[in-house]
Protein backbone atom coordinates (compact mmCIF):
# COMPACT_ATOMS: atom_id res chain seq x y z
CA UNK A 1 91.28 147.47 111.23
CA UNK A 2 94.99 146.61 110.89
CA UNK A 3 96.76 143.23 110.85
CA UNK A 4 97.28 143.19 114.61
CA UNK A 5 93.70 144.10 115.37
CA UNK A 6 92.50 141.30 113.14
CA UNK A 7 94.83 138.82 114.85
CA UNK A 8 93.65 139.88 118.30
CA UNK A 9 90.02 139.57 117.31
CA UNK A 10 90.61 136.09 115.92
CA UNK A 11 92.57 134.78 118.90
CA UNK A 12 90.40 136.34 121.61
CA UNK A 13 87.20 135.33 119.87
CA UNK A 14 85.70 138.79 119.49
CA UNK A 15 82.18 138.23 118.13
CA UNK A 16 83.29 134.84 116.82
CA UNK A 17 80.66 133.13 114.70
CA UNK A 18 80.41 129.43 114.09
CA UNK A 19 77.30 127.63 112.88
CA UNK A 20 73.97 128.55 111.43
CA UNK A 21 71.41 126.88 109.23
CA UNK A 22 69.85 127.24 105.82
CA UNK A 23 72.84 128.88 104.17
CA UNK A 24 72.24 130.67 100.90
CA UNK A 25 74.75 131.59 98.21
CA UNK A 26 76.40 134.94 98.81
CA UNK A 27 75.82 137.72 96.33
CA UNK A 28 78.49 137.68 93.62
CA UNK A 29 80.34 140.96 93.23
CA UNK A 30 79.83 141.28 89.51
CA UNK A 31 80.81 144.94 89.26
CA UNK A 32 83.74 144.70 91.67
CA UNK A 33 85.26 141.46 90.37
CA UNK A 34 88.49 143.23 89.42
CA UNK A 35 89.05 144.26 93.06
CA UNK A 36 88.67 140.67 94.24
CA UNK A 37 90.95 139.43 91.44
CA UNK A 38 93.65 141.95 92.42
CA UNK A 39 93.30 141.00 96.07
CA UNK A 40 93.53 137.24 95.60
CA UNK A 41 96.19 137.50 92.87
CA UNK A 42 98.57 139.27 95.24
CA UNK A 43 97.92 136.79 98.02
CA UNK A 44 98.49 133.81 95.72
CA UNK A 45 101.84 135.30 94.69
CA UNK A 46 102.89 135.68 98.33
CA UNK A 47 101.84 132.08 99.03
CA UNK A 48 104.33 130.83 96.43
CA UNK A 49 107.31 132.33 98.27
CA UNK A 50 107.79 129.56 100.88
CA UNK A 51 107.40 126.81 98.27
CA UNK A 52 110.15 128.38 96.17
CA UNK A 53 112.31 128.70 99.26
CA UNK A 54 111.74 125.11 100.37
CA UNK A 55 112.10 123.36 97.03
CA UNK A 56 114.64 125.49 95.18
CA UNK A 57 116.54 128.22 97.02
CA UNK A 58 117.11 126.77 100.48
CA UNK A 59 118.42 123.32 99.40
CA UNK A 60 120.89 124.99 97.01
CA UNK A 61 122.01 127.56 99.57
CA UNK A 62 122.39 124.88 102.24
CA UNK A 63 124.50 122.66 100.03
CA UNK A 64 126.61 125.63 98.93
CA UNK A 65 127.45 126.26 102.60
CA UNK A 66 128.59 122.68 103.09
CA UNK A 67 125.49 121.24 104.79
CA UNK A 68 125.06 117.47 104.65
CA UNK A 69 122.76 115.89 102.10
CA UNK A 70 120.72 114.46 104.98
CA UNK A 71 119.81 117.98 106.05
CA UNK A 72 119.24 119.14 102.48
CA UNK A 73 116.83 116.23 101.93
CA UNK A 74 114.62 117.49 104.76
CA UNK A 75 113.91 120.88 103.19
CA UNK A 76 110.93 119.84 100.99
CA UNK A 77 109.18 118.61 104.15
CA UNK A 78 108.61 122.27 104.99
CA UNK A 79 105.84 122.28 102.38
CA UNK A 80 103.81 119.46 103.93
CA UNK A 81 101.17 121.92 105.26
CA UNK A 82 99.93 122.24 101.68
CA UNK A 83 98.95 118.58 101.84
CA UNK A 84 97.66 118.57 105.42
CA UNK A 85 95.65 121.80 105.28
CA UNK A 86 92.46 119.92 104.47
CA UNK A 87 92.52 118.62 108.07
CA UNK A 88 91.90 122.08 109.55
CA UNK A 89 90.11 123.74 106.63
CA UNK A 90 86.70 123.40 108.29
CA UNK A 91 88.00 125.21 111.40
CA UNK A 92 89.01 128.16 109.20
CA UNK A 93 85.50 128.30 107.74
CA UNK A 94 83.67 127.88 111.03
CA UNK A 95 85.29 130.66 113.10
CA UNK A 96 85.66 134.33 112.25
CA UNK A 97 85.02 137.84 113.48
CA UNK A 98 81.81 139.44 112.24
CA UNK A 99 83.38 142.87 112.55
CA UNK A 100 86.34 142.03 110.31
CA UNK A 101 84.69 139.64 107.87
CA UNK A 102 84.57 135.91 107.41
CA UNK A 103 87.64 135.69 105.14
CA UNK A 104 89.58 138.78 106.23
CA UNK A 105 89.55 137.45 109.82
CA UNK A 106 92.04 134.85 108.64
CA UNK A 107 93.70 136.53 105.67
CA UNK A 108 94.96 139.59 107.55
CA UNK A 109 96.58 137.96 110.61
CA UNK A 110 98.09 135.15 108.54
CA UNK A 111 99.58 137.63 106.07
CA UNK A 112 100.94 139.61 109.01
CA UNK A 113 102.43 136.39 110.36
CA UNK A 114 104.11 135.73 107.00
CA UNK A 115 105.67 139.19 106.95
CA UNK A 116 106.82 138.76 110.56
CA UNK A 117 108.32 135.32 109.83
CA UNK A 118 110.32 136.59 106.86
CA UNK A 119 111.51 139.53 108.96
CA UNK A 120 112.58 137.15 111.72
CA UNK A 121 114.51 135.08 109.17
CA UNK A 122 116.42 138.24 108.30
CA UNK A 123 117.49 138.54 111.95
CA UNK A 124 118.79 134.97 112.26
CA UNK A 125 122.44 134.56 111.21
CA UNK A 126 122.55 132.62 107.95
CA UNK A 127 125.07 129.91 108.76
CA UNK A 128 125.17 126.13 109.16
CA UNK A 129 124.64 126.39 112.93
CA UNK A 130 121.23 128.03 112.39
CA UNK A 131 120.07 125.97 109.42
CA UNK A 132 117.59 124.02 111.56
CA UNK A 133 116.09 127.22 112.93
CA UNK A 134 115.73 128.71 109.47
CA UNK A 135 114.18 125.52 108.14
CA UNK A 136 111.67 125.65 110.99
CA UNK A 137 110.81 129.23 110.06
CA UNK A 138 110.28 128.22 106.43
CA UNK A 139 107.95 125.45 107.64
CA UNK A 140 106.07 128.01 109.76
CA UNK A 141 105.81 130.33 106.76
CA UNK A 142 104.44 127.46 104.69
CA UNK A 143 101.90 126.66 107.41
CA UNK A 144 100.69 130.27 107.50
CA UNK A 145 100.37 130.50 103.71
CA UNK A 146 98.67 127.12 103.33
CA UNK A 147 96.12 128.05 106.00
CA UNK A 148 95.52 131.43 104.40
CA UNK A 149 94.90 129.71 101.06
CA UNK A 150 91.79 128.09 102.57
CA UNK A 151 90.29 131.52 103.23
CA UNK A 152 91.44 132.98 99.90
CA UNK A 153 89.90 130.16 97.87
CA UNK A 154 86.69 130.50 99.87
CA UNK A 155 86.62 134.23 99.24
CA UNK A 156 87.09 133.78 95.48
CA UNK A 157 84.35 131.15 95.26
CA UNK A 158 81.92 133.28 97.32
CA UNK A 159 82.51 136.68 95.80
CA UNK A 160 83.02 135.95 92.10
CA UNK A 161 80.47 134.78 89.52
CA UNK A 162 81.03 131.45 87.81
CA UNK A 163 82.12 133.22 84.61
CA UNK A 164 85.10 134.73 86.49
CA UNK A 165 86.38 131.46 87.97
CA UNK A 166 88.63 130.75 84.99
CA UNK A 167 90.17 134.19 85.38
CA UNK A 168 90.75 133.87 89.12
CA UNK A 169 92.35 130.45 88.72
CA UNK A 170 94.60 131.85 86.01
CA UNK A 171 95.65 134.43 88.60
CA UNK A 172 96.01 131.68 91.19
CA UNK A 173 98.37 129.38 89.30
CA UNK A 174 100.31 132.16 87.57
CA UNK A 175 100.63 134.14 90.80
CA UNK A 176 101.75 131.08 92.76
CA UNK A 177 104.36 130.24 90.12
CA UNK A 178 105.52 133.85 90.18
CA UNK A 179 105.93 133.56 93.94
CA UNK A 180 107.92 130.36 93.46
CA UNK A 181 110.19 132.20 91.03
CA UNK A 182 110.76 134.97 93.55
CA UNK A 183 111.23 132.58 96.47
CA UNK A 184 113.45 130.17 94.51
CA UNK A 185 115.64 131.56 91.70
CA UNK A 186 114.87 135.13 92.78
CA UNK A 187 116.20 134.51 96.28
CA UNK A 188 119.37 132.92 94.89
CA UNK A 189 119.94 136.00 92.72
CA UNK A 190 119.40 138.24 95.76
CA UNK A 191 122.01 136.23 97.69
CA UNK A 192 124.51 136.96 94.91
CA UNK A 193 124.05 140.72 95.35
CA UNK A 194 123.02 141.22 98.99
CA UNK A 195 123.56 139.57 102.33
CA UNK A 196 120.96 137.17 103.75
CA UNK A 197 119.32 139.80 105.95
CA UNK A 198 118.67 142.15 103.05
CA UNK A 199 117.38 139.31 100.86
CA UNK A 200 114.82 138.15 103.43
CA UNK A 201 113.77 141.72 104.19
CA UNK A 202 113.08 142.27 100.49
CA UNK A 203 110.91 139.13 100.47
CA UNK A 204 109.12 140.44 103.55
CA UNK A 205 108.45 143.70 101.70
CA UNK A 206 106.96 141.73 98.79
CA UNK A 207 104.66 139.84 101.17
CA UNK A 208 103.61 143.09 102.83
CA UNK A 209 102.84 144.70 99.49
CA UNK A 210 100.79 141.67 98.42
CA UNK A 211 98.66 141.98 101.55
CA UNK A 212 97.76 145.66 101.17
CA UNK A 213 94.69 145.15 98.92
CA UNK A 214 93.18 142.83 101.56
CA UNK A 215 93.91 145.39 104.27
CA UNK A 216 91.94 148.13 102.53
CA UNK A 217 89.14 145.95 101.17
CA UNK A 218 85.96 145.84 103.23
CA UNK A 219 84.35 142.43 103.09
CA UNK A 220 80.54 142.54 102.74
CA UNK A 221 78.59 140.62 105.34
CA UNK A 222 76.96 137.35 104.22
CA UNK A 223 73.19 137.37 103.86
CA UNK A 224 73.03 134.57 106.42
CA UNK A 225 75.71 132.82 108.42
CA UNK A 226 76.98 129.74 106.56
CA UNK A 227 76.32 126.22 107.78
CA UNK A 228 79.00 124.40 109.72
CA UNK A 229 81.77 123.10 107.47
CA UNK A 230 83.25 119.60 107.76
CA UNK A 231 85.20 117.07 105.70
CA UNK A 232 82.29 114.64 105.97
CA UNK A 233 79.97 117.07 104.21
CA UNK A 234 82.38 117.23 101.27
CA UNK A 235 82.52 113.47 100.75
CA UNK A 236 78.73 113.16 101.12
CA UNK A 237 78.12 115.51 98.19
CA UNK A 238 77.13 114.02 94.87
CA UNK A 239 80.00 113.83 92.36
CA UNK A 240 82.65 114.64 95.01
CA UNK A 241 84.40 111.28 94.67
CA UNK A 242 84.65 111.16 90.89
CA UNK A 243 85.65 114.83 90.64
CA UNK A 244 88.34 114.30 93.28
CA UNK A 245 89.69 111.35 91.29
CA UNK A 246 89.80 113.53 88.17
CA UNK A 247 91.55 116.44 89.89
CA UNK A 248 94.14 114.05 91.38
CA UNK A 249 94.83 112.29 88.07
CA UNK A 250 95.09 115.19 85.63
CA UNK A 251 98.25 116.69 87.14
CA UNK A 252 100.16 113.44 87.80
CA UNK A 253 101.75 113.10 84.37
CA UNK A 254 103.01 116.68 84.35
CA UNK A 255 104.49 116.28 87.84
CA UNK A 256 106.26 113.05 86.81
CA UNK A 257 107.70 114.49 83.59
CA UNK A 258 108.76 117.69 85.40
CA UNK A 259 110.51 115.72 88.15
CA UNK A 260 112.31 113.32 85.81
CA UNK A 261 113.36 115.90 83.20
CA UNK A 262 116.01 117.51 85.39
CA UNK A 263 117.49 114.14 86.35
CA UNK A 264 117.55 113.01 82.72
CA UNK A 265 119.42 116.12 81.62
CA UNK A 266 121.97 115.81 84.42
CA UNK A 267 122.65 112.18 83.58
CA UNK A 268 123.24 112.87 79.89
CA UNK A 269 125.85 115.50 80.74
CA UNK A 270 124.11 118.84 81.11
CA UNK A 271 125.62 121.20 83.69
CA UNK A 272 123.77 122.03 86.89
CA UNK A 273 123.42 125.68 85.87
CA UNK A 274 122.03 124.83 82.43
CA UNK A 275 119.50 122.44 83.95
CA UNK A 276 118.51 125.08 86.51
CA UNK A 277 117.95 127.73 83.85
CA UNK A 278 116.08 125.67 81.27
CA UNK A 279 114.31 122.94 83.28
CA UNK A 280 113.87 125.14 86.37
CA UNK A 281 113.26 128.80 85.58
CA UNK A 282 112.28 128.01 82.00
CA UNK A 283 109.70 125.47 83.14
CA UNK A 284 108.11 127.88 85.63
CA UNK A 285 107.92 130.62 83.01
CA UNK A 286 106.33 128.15 80.59
CA UNK A 287 103.74 127.26 83.22
CA UNK A 288 102.91 130.94 83.64
CA UNK A 289 102.48 131.20 79.85
CA UNK A 290 100.27 128.12 80.06
CA UNK A 291 98.07 129.94 82.55
CA UNK A 292 97.59 132.73 80.04
CA UNK A 293 96.79 130.18 77.34
CA UNK A 294 94.24 128.57 79.67
CA UNK A 295 92.59 131.94 80.20
CA UNK A 296 92.22 132.37 76.44
CA UNK A 297 90.90 128.84 75.94
CA UNK A 298 88.35 129.17 78.73
CA UNK A 299 86.85 132.18 76.95
CA UNK A 300 86.36 130.19 73.74
CA UNK A 301 85.82 126.54 74.63
CA UNK A 302 84.41 124.60 77.56
CA UNK A 303 86.30 123.87 80.76
CA UNK A 304 86.33 120.19 79.82
CA UNK A 305 87.89 120.87 76.42
CA UNK A 306 90.43 123.22 77.98
CA UNK A 307 91.44 120.45 80.35
CA UNK A 308 91.70 118.04 77.42
CA UNK A 309 93.99 120.47 75.56
CA UNK A 310 96.25 120.70 78.61
CA UNK A 311 96.51 116.93 78.90
CA UNK A 312 97.39 116.59 75.21
CA UNK A 313 100.18 119.18 75.59
CA UNK A 314 101.55 117.30 78.61
CA UNK A 315 101.39 114.06 76.64
CA UNK A 316 103.33 115.58 73.74
CA UNK A 317 106.03 116.70 76.17
CA UNK A 318 106.17 113.23 77.75
CA UNK A 319 106.67 111.60 74.34
CA UNK A 320 109.49 114.06 73.56
CA UNK A 321 111.25 113.19 76.83
CA UNK A 322 110.80 109.49 76.13
CA UNK A 323 112.31 109.89 72.63
CA UNK A 324 115.27 111.74 74.17
CA UNK A 325 115.87 108.92 76.65
CA UNK A 326 115.80 106.37 73.84
CA UNK A 327 117.96 108.56 71.59
CA UNK A 328 120.24 110.81 73.74
CA UNK A 329 121.70 112.48 70.63
CA UNK A 330 118.48 114.53 70.48
CA UNK A 331 119.47 116.45 73.62
CA UNK A 332 120.16 119.78 71.97
CA UNK A 333 119.00 123.00 73.56
CA UNK A 334 116.28 123.51 70.94
CA UNK A 335 114.78 120.06 71.43
CA UNK A 336 114.92 120.28 75.23
CA UNK A 337 113.49 123.79 75.05
CA UNK A 338 110.54 122.54 73.00
CA UNK A 339 109.86 119.69 75.45
CA UNK A 340 110.10 122.12 78.35
CA UNK A 341 107.78 124.63 76.69
CA UNK A 342 105.13 122.05 75.81
CA UNK A 343 105.29 120.53 79.28
CA UNK A 344 105.03 123.90 81.00
CA UNK A 345 102.16 125.02 78.81
CA UNK A 346 100.36 121.75 79.48
CA UNK A 347 100.85 121.95 83.24
CA UNK A 348 99.61 125.54 83.28
CA UNK A 349 96.50 124.80 81.21
CA UNK A 350 95.73 121.60 83.12
CA UNK A 351 96.14 123.25 86.51
CA UNK A 352 93.94 126.24 85.68
CA UNK A 353 91.20 124.11 84.10
CA UNK A 354 91.10 121.53 86.90
CA UNK A 355 91.11 124.20 89.62
CA UNK A 356 88.31 126.03 87.81
CA UNK A 357 86.15 122.91 87.77
CA UNK A 358 86.98 122.21 91.42
CA UNK A 359 86.20 125.78 92.48
CA UNK A 360 82.91 125.71 90.58
CA UNK A 361 81.96 122.53 92.46
CA UNK A 362 82.96 124.22 95.72
CA UNK A 363 81.00 127.34 94.79
CA UNK A 364 77.83 125.28 94.42
CA UNK A 365 78.16 124.05 98.03
CA UNK A 366 78.18 125.81 101.37
CA UNK A 367 81.83 125.35 102.41
CA UNK A 368 83.96 126.46 99.43
CA UNK A 369 87.21 126.91 101.36
CA UNK A 370 87.04 123.38 102.76
CA UNK A 371 86.05 121.83 99.43
CA UNK A 372 88.90 123.54 97.54
CA UNK A 373 91.36 122.46 100.25
CA UNK A 374 90.33 118.81 99.91
CA UNK A 375 90.86 118.91 96.16
CA UNK A 376 94.24 120.64 96.38
CA UNK A 377 95.53 118.68 99.36
CA UNK A 378 94.74 115.29 97.83
CA UNK A 379 96.07 116.42 94.46
CA UNK A 380 99.39 117.48 96.00
CA UNK A 381 99.62 114.25 97.99
CA UNK A 382 99.05 112.21 94.84
CA UNK A 383 101.75 114.16 92.98
CA UNK A 384 104.29 113.56 95.76
CA UNK A 385 103.58 109.83 96.04
CA UNK A 386 103.40 109.02 92.33
CA UNK A 387 106.39 111.23 91.44
CA UNK A 388 108.44 109.43 94.10
CA UNK A 389 107.28 106.10 92.69
CA UNK A 390 108.25 107.12 89.16
CA UNK A 391 111.72 108.24 90.29
CA UNK A 392 112.17 104.96 92.16
CA UNK A 393 111.10 102.95 89.11
CA UNK A 394 113.46 105.00 86.93
CA UNK A 395 116.29 104.20 89.34
CA UNK A 396 115.70 100.44 89.01
CA UNK A 397 114.53 100.02 85.41
CA UNK A 398 115.61 103.21 83.68
CA UNK A 399 114.08 106.55 82.79
CA UNK A 400 111.89 105.06 80.05
CA UNK A 401 110.03 103.05 82.70
CA UNK A 402 109.56 106.11 84.89
CA UNK A 403 108.24 108.11 81.96
CA UNK A 404 105.99 105.17 81.15
CA UNK A 405 104.28 105.59 84.52
CA UNK A 406 103.60 109.20 83.56
CA UNK A 407 102.09 108.17 80.24
CA UNK A 408 99.93 105.55 81.99
CA UNK A 409 98.73 108.23 84.42
CA UNK A 410 97.91 110.45 81.43
CA UNK A 411 95.84 107.70 79.79
CA UNK A 412 93.98 107.13 83.06
CA UNK A 413 93.30 110.88 83.31
CA UNK A 414 91.87 110.98 79.78
CA UNK A 415 89.60 108.02 80.53
CA UNK A 416 88.36 109.50 83.80
CA UNK A 417 87.87 112.90 82.16
CA UNK A 418 85.56 111.34 79.59
CA UNK A 419 83.60 109.47 82.26
CA UNK A 420 83.25 112.42 84.65
CA UNK A 421 82.30 114.78 81.85
CA UNK A 422 79.43 112.56 80.71
CA UNK A 423 78.23 111.61 84.19
CA UNK A 424 78.11 115.20 85.46
CA UNK A 425 76.33 116.67 82.43
CA UNK A 426 73.72 119.11 83.67
CA UNK A 427 75.42 119.54 87.06
CA UNK A 428 76.45 123.11 86.24
CA UNK A 429 80.21 122.53 86.47
CA UNK A 430 80.67 124.12 83.07
CA UNK A 431 77.65 126.41 83.14
CA UNK A 432 75.74 124.16 80.79
CA UNK A 433 78.40 124.07 78.09
CA UNK A 434 79.78 120.80 76.72
């Protein structure tokens, strides 16, 4: 079954399945976990491409061509599907083709759509007159990837044992950040050496390559058809509210420090290129290293303690940025590099640990794709709102006040972590470890 066959089956409703009762957990593919990890790792990397385009490459390329700041300011809106995907997550879980597989019914056509969208971008002249069209295509690409992520998370939760969740979430965050590097700084480098058409075609080739493992993988049939998914079922589950609060809080401080760091460096006299290299590419690379560190920690300590380690690293970075604001003479490359490294490591560890806990909770239910989407969508929304608040506060009362909001968010996360950890003891979120 190729991409087009999968898309036709999904749209036409060939053997489409919806609801059933008395769902049971699917058999975990213990011996074939590496195949699932390779499959989802490639898809997560491809999903990072549109976010890198929207937040890094496209705004810079637009401004370089003389586009107005009003148009440049609209580019991050292309990533809103990552927040809104929880609204249609249940639809992704409730409809699929039995012949293709519950998750492949969505993964294959959406990956094909991503490749087609990038190819179409290569055919559109890259000039100011077509900037709106290209921005719309980036938004479409983001919509396709965000929707596919629902199915990919569901697949990982269904097909992997709990012991492998730390590994798959390491792949998830590291792969996504790698995709952001390719879609952001990588695209800008491609534009320096090739024309726009060649650059977008190369990105399309990357997306195609990332989808090949899913094309050749044959998804086993579930033992029984899953129950009907819905947002209401998520919020009715025990511990869903407190775990959602934890997942939303633990990444706020890192998002605030990451957002303010670049502005701080610019205002104390760093060049745009230096900020882009150290606080942009350097930060993403540090996050990827943090994912590797999280993988090591999860093999030695509990998920709760791994999350605590990530928060402490983020806090150390926040204090370094605060000291720099209060004493600008500290702003040497070594000091800024240390703050960037600690912050990136902390964000990577925190993200992997929190996603692992969230995916374990989703794995224990009957609608893992929907549950993961709720966690991630609300987490992203919280990051956008609180980061905007911190930047606004920094604009009125100075960077120290904005960083203070990040430190307050960190303290709240530590308090909630302690409460959730104790109240969910015995719930199996950490496989019985404390």
